[in-house]
Amino acid sequence: MTDDRSFSLLVSDARVRLLRMHFESRVGHLGGNLSALDILLCAYHRSLKQEDVFVLSKGHAAGALYVTLFTLGLLSDDDLRQFHKDDTLLSGHPPPAGIPTIPFATGSLGHGLSLSAGIALSKKLKGEAGRVVCLTSDGEWNEGSCWEALAFVAAQKLDNLLIIVDANGLQGFGRTSEVFNLEPLAAKFAGYGFDVAEIEGHDHDALCHVLQRQGGVVIARTVKGCGVSFMEDRLEWHYLPMTEEQYHQAVREVERSCEPSSASRS
């Protein structure tokens, strides 16, 4: 089995575990979790080093982060069963304390980049090794605080901060192009002096390559609800929980997508 095949199986298993966790907890926000999962898995398994700090600014994708930490053995199956329950550490948005790899609570969109900039500046001033990697949503860039933080990052020359945009094209009230069109995003980031890469955000090779960057901006073009046909590019999966029938169909589709083709078996 090749490393690529092993990683594909890991991604498939993680997607199934994410679906199960959300189904058992009867909570939604699956669309944005599924668009971000490939990014998170590539970052944690193939890019981040011990001295790096990861910040999930799009906090409603906390489920994908928890499942990623589970694949690394940093959270248990029992932990995931407590997702969204009373008195759980695994709240709907990342918690402010209790999970060492999560530096602070996020989810009020527009805050994560500012906090990431502060950590990156601290590393610079202290002469500490490592980067800060901040994952934002595309809808999040409607917030003026993001652009203020971006201007600060540029002014302070924080080349140890890598900004990733999960650009799935949908947000809570519609398509990002209709709610608050910021395209072309790459040109706007470049206007602040950033080195910008724009990639297909479910291509593991492309993700693993750009996530080696020390700083700059990566725009990952993703699909909301990726991997589940009835969720893909559909606004309602920003919100809805799955029925039992939908859950079983989703799992079948994900598992089927990872089965080797007849050609590869011959």
Protein backbone atom coordinates (compact mmCIF):
# COMPACT_ATOMS: atom_id res chain seq x y z
CA MET A 1 0.00 0.00 0.00
CA THR A 2 1.47 3.37 -1.01
CA ASP A 3 1.60 6.37 1.27
CA ASP A 4 -0.94 8.11 -0.95
CA ARG A 5 -3.30 5.15 -0.67
CA SER A 6 -2.86 5.05 3.10
CA PHE A 7 -3.60 8.74 3.35
CA SER A 8 -6.69 8.41 1.14
CA LEU A 9 -7.99 5.70 3.46
CA LEU A 10 -7.27 7.90 6.48
CA VAL A 11 -9.26 10.74 4.89
CA SER A 12 -12.15 8.41 4.07
CA ASP A 13 -12.22 7.01 7.60
CA ALA A 14 -12.09 10.52 9.04
CA ARG A 15 -14.98 11.63 6.85
CA VAL A 16 -17.08 8.67 8.01
CA ARG A 17 -16.21 9.38 11.66
CA LEU A 18 -17.17 13.03 11.19
CA LEU A 19 -20.53 12.02 9.74
CA ARG A 20 -21.14 9.61 12.61
CA MET A 21 -20.21 12.19 15.24
CA HIS A 22 -22.60 14.77 13.82
CA PHE A 23 -25.37 12.22 13.32
CA GLU A 24 -25.15 10.88 16.86
CA SER A 25 -25.14 14.41 18.26
CA ARG A 26 -27.98 15.52 15.99
CA VAL A 27 -26.20 18.72 14.98
CA GLY A 28 -25.61 20.39 11.65
CA HIS A 29 -22.83 22.55 10.17
CA LEU A 30 -21.68 19.54 8.17
CA GLY A 31 -21.17 21.41 4.89
CA GLY A 32 -18.31 23.59 6.09
CA ASN A 33 -16.79 20.76 8.09
CA LEU A 34 -16.60 18.60 4.98
CA SER A 35 -15.10 21.40 2.91
CA ALA A 36 -12.35 21.93 5.50
CA LEU A 37 -11.52 18.34 6.45
CA ASP A 38 -8.96 17.69 3.70
CA ILE A 39 -7.14 20.92 4.61
CA LEU A 40 -7.02 20.00 8.30
CA LEU A 41 -5.83 16.45 7.69
CA CYS A 42 -3.09 17.54 5.29
CA ALA A 43 -1.98 20.25 7.70
CA TYR A 44 -1.80 18.06 10.80
CA HIS A 45 -0.48 14.89 9.18
CA ARG A 46 1.90 16.31 6.59
CA SER A 47 2.79 19.90 7.40
CA LEU A 48 2.57 21.15 10.98
CA LYS A 49 5.61 20.80 13.20
CA GLN A 50 5.74 20.75 16.98
CA GLU A 51 6.74 24.42 17.14
CA ASP A 52 3.86 25.53 14.86
CA VAL A 53 0.52 26.84 16.11
CA PHE A 54 -2.74 26.13 14.30
CA VAL A 55 -5.77 28.41 14.67
CA LEU A 56 -9.20 27.41 13.37
CA SER A 57 -10.79 30.80 12.78
CA LYS A 58 -13.85 29.26 11.10
CA GLY A 59 -14.86 27.79 14.42
CA HIS A 60 -18.08 26.19 13.18
CA ALA A 61 -15.80 23.58 11.54
CA ALA A 62 -14.78 22.41 15.01
CA GLY A 63 -16.06 18.90 14.24
CA ALA A 64 -13.48 18.50 11.47
CA LEU A 65 -10.76 19.69 13.85
CA TYR A 66 -11.82 17.26 16.57
CA VAL A 67 -11.87 14.34 14.13
CA THR A 68 -8.43 15.35 12.85
CA LEU A 69 -7.08 15.35 16.41
CA PHE A 70 -8.74 11.95 16.86
CA THR A 71 -6.81 10.56 13.86
CA LEU A 72 -3.61 11.61 15.63
CA GLY A 73 -4.59 9.92 18.89
CA LEU A 74 -4.99 13.26 20.67
CA LEU A 75 -8.72 12.70 21.26
CA SER A 76 -10.43 9.38 21.95
CA ASP A 77 -13.53 7.78 20.50
CA ASP A 78 -15.22 8.42 23.84
CA ASP A 79 -14.30 12.10 23.54
CA LEU A 80 -15.98 12.31 20.14
CA ARG A 81 -19.14 10.73 21.55
CA GLN A 82 -19.43 13.75 23.86
CA PHE A 83 -19.50 16.22 20.96
CA HIS A 84 -22.04 18.96 21.61
CA LYS A 85 -23.24 17.31 24.84
CA ASP A 86 -23.66 19.05 28.20
CA ASP A 87 -20.38 19.68 30.07
CA THR A 88 -18.32 18.51 27.09
CA LEU A 89 -14.91 19.80 26.06
CA LEU A 90 -15.97 19.27 22.44
CA SER A 91 -18.35 22.17 22.04
CA GLY A 92 -19.80 23.37 18.76
CA HIS A 93 -16.94 25.87 18.47
CA PRO A 94 -13.39 25.22 19.72
CA PRO A 95 -13.20 25.58 23.52
CA PRO A 96 -11.12 28.21 25.37
CA ALA A 97 -9.30 25.60 27.44
CA GLY A 98 -8.92 21.87 28.02
CA ILE A 99 -7.43 20.73 24.68
CA PRO A 100 -3.71 21.62 24.55
CA THR A 101 -3.55 21.88 20.74
CA ILE A 102 -6.34 24.51 20.68
CA PRO A 103 -4.85 27.84 21.85
CA PHE A 104 -8.13 29.71 22.38
CA ALA A 105 -11.82 29.74 21.58
CA THR A 106 -12.82 30.83 18.09
CA GLY A 107 -15.99 30.94 16.08
CA SER A 108 -17.07 34.56 16.35
CA LEU A 109 -15.99 35.04 12.77
CA GLY A 110 -13.32 37.63 12.08
CA HIS A 111 -11.39 37.11 15.32
CA GLY A 112 -9.09 34.20 14.50
CA LEU A 113 -6.77 36.08 12.16
CA SER A 114 -6.21 38.90 14.67
CA LEU A 115 -5.34 36.37 17.37
CA SER A 116 -3.06 34.53 14.95
CA ALA A 117 -1.28 37.78 14.11
CA GLY A 118 -0.65 38.34 17.81
CA ILE A 119 0.92 34.90 18.21
CA ALA A 120 3.03 35.40 15.07
CA LEU A 121 4.27 38.77 16.31
CA SER A 122 5.08 37.25 19.70
CA LYS A 123 7.14 34.53 18.03
CA LYS A 124 9.02 37.19 16.06
CA LEU A 125 9.74 39.35 19.12
CA LYS A 126 10.88 36.37 21.20
CA GLY A 127 12.90 34.83 18.39
CA GLU A 128 10.89 31.61 18.62
CA ALA A 129 10.83 29.02 15.87
CA GLY A 130 7.69 27.91 14.12
CA ARG A 131 4.80 29.32 12.16
CA VAL A 132 1.21 30.19 12.82
CA VAL A 133 -1.30 28.63 10.42
CA CYS A 134 -4.77 30.18 10.42
CA LEU A 135 -7.73 28.62 8.59
CA THR A 136 -10.50 31.07 7.72
CA SER A 137 -13.73 30.75 5.74
CA ASP A 138 -14.44 32.80 2.62
CA GLY A 139 -17.62 34.27 4.13
CA GLU A 140 -15.57 35.37 7.12
CA TRP A 141 -13.83 37.93 4.93
CA ASN A 142 -17.04 39.95 4.99
CA GLU A 143 -15.78 41.06 8.41
CA GLY A 144 -13.80 44.29 8.46
CA SER A 145 -11.68 42.94 11.31
CA CYS A 146 -10.15 40.42 8.91
CA TRP A 147 -8.89 43.16 6.62
CA GLU A 148 -7.64 45.21 9.56
CA ALA A 149 -5.71 42.15 10.77
CA LEU A 150 -4.40 41.55 7.24
CA ALA A 151 -3.12 45.14 7.07
CA PHE A 152 -1.41 44.61 10.44
CA VAL A 153 0.23 41.38 9.25
CA ALA A 154 1.53 43.16 6.16
CA ALA A 155 2.76 46.20 8.12
CA GLN A 156 4.57 44.02 10.68
CA LYS A 157 6.01 41.77 7.94
CA LEU A 158 4.78 38.65 9.71
CA ASP A 159 6.18 36.16 7.24
CA ASN A 160 5.70 33.39 9.83
CA LEU A 161 1.91 33.50 9.44
CA LEU A 162 0.24 31.33 6.79
CA ILE A 163 -3.38 32.27 6.07
CA ILE A 164 -5.64 29.67 4.46
CA VAL A 165 -9.06 30.52 3.03
CA ASP A 166 -11.54 27.65 2.77
CA ALA A 167 -13.30 29.12 -0.25
CA ASN A 168 -16.37 26.89 -0.65
CA GLY A 169 -18.48 29.67 -2.15
CA LEU A 170 -21.36 29.47 0.36
CA GLN A 171 -22.12 31.15 3.67
CA GLY A 172 -25.06 31.31 6.07
CA PHE A 173 -27.35 33.41 3.86
CA GLY A 174 -26.36 32.40 0.35
CA ARG A 175 -23.47 32.37 -2.10
CA THR A 176 -20.53 34.51 -1.12
CA SER A 177 -20.61 36.06 -4.59
CA GLU A 178 -24.18 37.27 -3.94
CA VAL A 179 -24.00 38.21 -0.25
CA PHE A 180 -20.77 40.23 -0.42
CA ASN A 181 -18.70 39.62 -3.51
CA LEU A 182 -14.98 39.94 -2.77
CA GLU A 183 -13.68 38.26 -5.89
CA PRO A 184 -11.08 38.22 -7.19
CA LEU A 185 -9.77 37.35 -3.73
CA ALA A 186 -6.25 36.57 -4.90
CA ALA A 187 -5.81 40.04 -6.35
CA LYS A 188 -6.97 41.67 -3.12
CA PHE A 189 -4.47 39.72 -1.02
CA ALA A 190 -1.73 40.39 -3.55
CA GLY A 191 -2.56 44.10 -3.28
CA TYR A 192 -1.41 43.95 0.35
CA GLY A 193 1.89 42.46 -0.82
CA PHE A 194 1.20 38.82 0.00
CA ASP A 195 2.44 35.84 -1.97
CA VAL A 196 -0.83 34.10 -2.91
CA ALA A 197 -1.41 30.53 -4.06
CA GLU A 198 -4.80 29.43 -5.37
CA ILE A 199 -5.39 25.67 -5.44
CA GLU A 200 -8.05 22.97 -5.65
CA GLY A 201 -8.71 22.44 -1.96
CA HIS A 202 -9.42 18.70 -2.07
CA ASP A 203 -6.24 17.84 -3.99
CA HIS A 204 -4.02 16.32 -1.31
CA ASP A 205 -0.80 16.71 -3.26
CA ALA A 206 -1.50 20.38 -3.95
CA LEU A 207 -2.51 21.00 -0.34
CA CYS A 208 0.53 19.28 1.12
CA HIS A 209 2.79 21.29 -1.20
CA VAL A 210 1.43 24.75 -0.37
CA LEU A 211 1.09 23.99 3.34
CA GLN A 212 4.88 23.81 3.53
CA ARG A 213 5.01 27.56 3.00
CA GLN A 214 6.29 29.66 5.85
CA GLY A 215 3.80 32.47 5.26
CA GLY A 216 1.53 34.15 2.74
CA VAL A 217 -2.00 33.27 1.68
CA VAL A 218 -3.49 30.07 0.28
CA ILE A 219 -6.94 30.19 -1.31
CA ALA A 220 -8.27 26.63 -1.29
CA ARG A 221 -11.22 26.29 -3.67
CA THR A 222 -13.38 23.67 -1.98
CA VAL A 223 -16.88 22.20 -2.17
CA LYS A 224 -19.27 22.61 0.73
CA GLY A 225 -20.40 19.12 1.76
CA CYS A 226 -17.55 17.49 -0.19
CA GLY A 227 -17.90 13.74 -0.64
CA VAL A 228 -21.65 13.47 -0.08
CA SER A 229 -23.69 13.99 -3.26
CA PHE A 230 -26.84 15.44 -1.69
CA MET A 231 -24.82 17.89 0.44
CA GLU A 232 -22.37 19.16 -2.14
CA ASP A 233 -22.71 22.88 -2.91
CA ARG A 234 -26.04 23.09 -1.07
CA LEU A 235 -26.75 25.95 1.31
CA GLU A 236 -29.05 23.98 3.62
CA TRP A 237 -26.12 21.85 4.81
CA HIS A 238 -24.71 24.92 6.50
CA TYR A 239 -27.42 24.16 9.06
CA LEU A 240 -29.24 20.84 8.84
CA PRO A 241 -28.60 17.66 10.84
CA MET A 242 -28.95 14.35 8.99
CA THR A 243 -31.85 11.95 9.17
CA GLU A 244 -30.95 8.29 9.70
CA GLU A 245 -31.59 7.54 6.03
CA GLN A 246 -29.36 10.43 4.94
CA TYR A 247 -26.63 9.34 7.33
CA HIS A 248 -26.50 5.80 5.95
CA GLN A 249 -26.50 7.09 2.38
CA ALA A 250 -23.68 9.52 3.16
CA VAL A 251 -21.54 6.79 4.73
CA ARG A 252 -22.12 4.48 1.75
CA GLU A 253 -21.03 7.18 -0.67
CA VAL A 254 -17.87 8.02 1.25
CA GLU A 255 -16.87 4.37 1.64
CA ARG A 256 -17.62 3.62 -2.00
CA SER A 257 -15.48 6.55 -3.16
CA CYS A 258 -12.41 5.02 -1.51
CA GLU A 259 -12.83 1.53 -2.97
CA PRO A 260 -10.08 0.68 -5.49
CA SER A 261 -11.26 0.52 -9.09
CA SER A 262 -11.29 -2.78 -10.93
CA ALA A 263 -8.35 -1.55 -13.01
CA SER A 264 -6.24 -0.86 -9.93
CA ARG A 265 -7.08 -4.31 -8.50
CA SER A 266 -6.05 -6.19 -11.63
